[in-house]
Structures are given as structure tokens and as C-alpha cells.
Amino acid sequence: MSSTLHLDEGTLVEPGEREHEALTESYQRFCTELHTRGWIDDELFAVVQR
């Protein structure tokens, strides 16, 4: 999963290590909450946790 931010055509901003870790942690919490609520199935949840 790429976390490159595209601001406008030709401009890329790469997140720093701390930002990348925070984004990853937030994404995993979000997916866990969706799975807990039954909004995504076990198979999809296994894929997003990789």
C-alpha cells in the first residue's frame, strides 16, 4: 500500500517514518472496527491486515 500524497500534478510528498506508522496504525484500527461491526468479512479482514 502506497501512502504517497499527490498534491497536484507532478508534486509528491512522502510521509516521514512517524507519519507512515501513524497512518498504518489508524488504518488498522479502522479496519478492525469495520470487522467488529460485521461490515467486512473475515476473508477481507485477513487481506487488509497484511
N, C-alpha and C. Protein backbone atom coordinates (compact mmCIF):
# COMPACT_ATOMS: atom_id res chain seq x y z
N MET A 1 0.84 -1.17 0.00
CA MET A 1 0.00 0.00 0.00
C MET A 1 0.89 1.23 0.00
N SER A 2 0.68 2.07 -0.99
CA SER A 2 1.47 3.29 -1.08
C SER A 2 0.77 4.40 -0.32
N SER A 3 1.53 5.17 0.42
CA SER A 3 0.94 6.29 1.15
C SER A 3 1.46 7.62 0.61
N THR A 4 1.84 7.64 -0.66
CA THR A 4 2.31 8.87 -1.29
C THR A 4 1.13 9.81 -1.49
N LEU A 5 1.31 11.05 -1.10
CA LEU A 5 0.27 12.06 -1.24
C LEU A 5 0.50 12.83 -2.52
N HIS A 6 -0.50 12.88 -3.40
CA HIS A 6 -0.41 13.62 -4.65
C HIS A 6 -1.11 14.97 -4.45
N LEU A 7 -0.33 16.04 -4.30
CA LEU A 7 -0.90 17.36 -4.07
C LEU A 7 -1.45 17.96 -5.36
N ASP A 8 -0.69 17.90 -6.38
CA ASP A 8 -1.14 18.32 -7.70
C ASP A 8 -0.26 17.60 -8.72
N GLU A 9 -0.55 17.75 -9.94
CA GLU A 9 0.21 17.02 -10.96
C GLU A 9 1.69 17.35 -10.86
N GLY A 10 2.49 16.32 -10.67
CA GLY A 10 3.94 16.49 -10.62
C GLY A 10 4.51 16.73 -9.24
N THR A 11 3.67 16.87 -8.21
CA THR A 11 4.16 17.11 -6.86
C THR A 11 3.84 15.91 -5.98
N LEU A 12 4.86 15.31 -5.40
CA LEU A 12 4.68 14.18 -4.49
C LEU A 12 5.25 14.52 -3.13
N VAL A 13 4.57 14.07 -2.10
CA VAL A 13 5.06 14.25 -0.74
C VAL A 13 5.07 12.88 -0.08
N GLU A 14 6.23 12.42 0.32
CA GLU A 14 6.35 11.15 1.01
C GLU A 14 6.25 11.41 2.51
N PRO A 15 5.39 10.65 3.22
CA PRO A 15 5.32 10.84 4.67
C PRO A 15 6.61 10.35 5.33
N GLY A 16 6.95 10.97 6.43
CA GLY A 16 8.10 10.52 7.21
C GLY A 16 7.77 9.21 7.91
N GLU A 17 8.74 8.61 8.54
CA GLU A 17 8.55 7.32 9.20
C GLU A 17 7.44 7.39 10.26
N ARG A 18 7.45 8.43 11.09
CA ARG A 18 6.42 8.55 12.14
C ARG A 18 5.03 8.73 11.55
N GLU A 19 4.93 9.52 10.47
CA GLU A 19 3.64 9.72 9.83
C GLU A 19 3.14 8.41 9.21
N HIS A 20 4.07 7.68 8.59
CA HIS A 20 3.71 6.40 7.97
C HIS A 20 3.20 5.42 9.03
N GLU A 21 3.88 5.34 10.16
CA GLU A 21 3.45 4.46 11.24
C GLU A 21 2.08 4.87 11.77
N ALA A 22 1.86 6.17 11.93
CA ALA A 22 0.57 6.66 12.42
C ALA A 22 -0.55 6.34 11.43
N LEU A 23 -0.29 6.52 10.14
CA LEU A 23 -1.29 6.20 9.12
C LEU A 23 -1.61 4.71 9.12
N THR A 24 -0.59 3.88 9.24
CA THR A 24 -0.78 2.43 9.26
C THR A 24 -1.60 2.02 10.47
N GLU A 25 -1.27 2.57 11.63
CA GLU A 25 -1.99 2.24 12.85
C GLU A 25 -3.46 2.67 12.75
N SER A 26 -3.69 3.86 12.23
CA SER A 26 -5.05 4.36 12.07
C SER A 26 -5.86 3.49 11.11
N TYR A 27 -5.24 3.09 10.00
CA TYR A 27 -5.89 2.23 9.01
C TYR A 27 -6.25 0.88 9.63
N GLN A 28 -5.34 0.32 10.41
CA GLN A 28 -5.61 -0.97 11.03
C GLN A 28 -6.73 -0.88 12.06
N ARG A 29 -6.77 0.20 12.83
CA ARG A 29 -7.86 0.40 13.80
C ARG A 29 -9.20 0.53 13.08
N PHE A 30 -9.20 1.27 11.97
CA PHE A 30 -10.41 1.47 11.17
C PHE A 30 -10.92 0.12 10.64
N CYS A 31 -10.02 -0.68 10.08
CA CYS A 31 -10.40 -1.98 9.54
C CYS A 31 -10.89 -2.92 10.64
N THR A 32 -10.24 -2.87 11.79
CA THR A 32 -10.67 -3.70 12.92
C THR A 32 -12.08 -3.32 13.35
N GLU A 33 -12.36 -2.03 13.39
CA GLU A 33 -13.70 -1.57 13.77
C GLU A 33 -14.74 -2.03 12.74
N LEU A 34 -14.43 -1.94 11.47
CA LEU A 34 -15.35 -2.41 10.44
C LEU A 34 -15.62 -3.90 10.59
N HIS A 35 -14.58 -4.68 10.87
CA HIS A 35 -14.72 -6.12 11.04
C HIS A 35 -15.54 -6.43 12.29
N THR A 36 -15.28 -5.72 13.37
CA THR A 36 -16.01 -5.93 14.63
C THR A 36 -17.51 -5.69 14.43
N ARG A 37 -17.84 -4.69 13.62
CA ARG A 37 -19.25 -4.37 13.36
C ARG A 37 -19.88 -5.29 12.32
N GLY A 38 -19.06 -6.15 11.71
CA GLY A 38 -19.59 -7.06 10.72
C GLY A 38 -19.72 -6.46 9.33
N TRP A 39 -19.08 -5.32 9.12
CA TRP A 39 -19.20 -4.63 7.83
C TRP A 39 -18.22 -5.16 6.79
N ILE A 40 -17.17 -5.87 7.23
CA ILE A 40 -16.29 -6.59 6.31
C ILE A 40 -16.14 -8.02 6.83
N ASP A 41 -16.04 -8.96 5.91
CA ASP A 41 -15.97 -10.37 6.31
C ASP A 41 -14.55 -10.77 6.71
N ASP A 42 -14.42 -11.99 7.21
CA ASP A 42 -13.13 -12.49 7.70
C ASP A 42 -12.07 -12.52 6.61
N GLU A 43 -12.47 -12.92 5.41
CA GLU A 43 -11.50 -13.03 4.31
C GLU A 43 -10.92 -11.66 3.96
N LEU A 44 -11.77 -10.66 3.82
CA LEU A 44 -11.29 -9.31 3.50
C LEU A 44 -10.46 -8.76 4.66
N PHE A 45 -10.88 -9.00 5.88
CA PHE A 45 -10.14 -8.52 7.04
C PHE A 45 -8.73 -9.11 7.08
N ALA A 46 -8.61 -10.40 6.73
CA ALA A 46 -7.29 -11.03 6.67
C ALA A 46 -6.40 -10.35 5.64
N VAL A 47 -6.97 -9.95 4.52
CA VAL A 47 -6.19 -9.29 3.47
C VAL A 47 -5.72 -7.92 3.93
N VAL A 48 -6.58 -7.14 4.54
CA VAL A 48 -6.20 -5.77 4.93
C VAL A 48 -5.23 -5.76 6.10
N GLN A 49 -5.13 -6.86 6.84
CA GLN A 49 -4.20 -6.92 7.97
C GLN A 49 -2.78 -7.30 7.56
N ARG A 50 -2.57 -7.61 6.30
CA ARG A 50 -1.22 -7.98 5.85
C ARG A 50 -0.30 -6.80 5.83
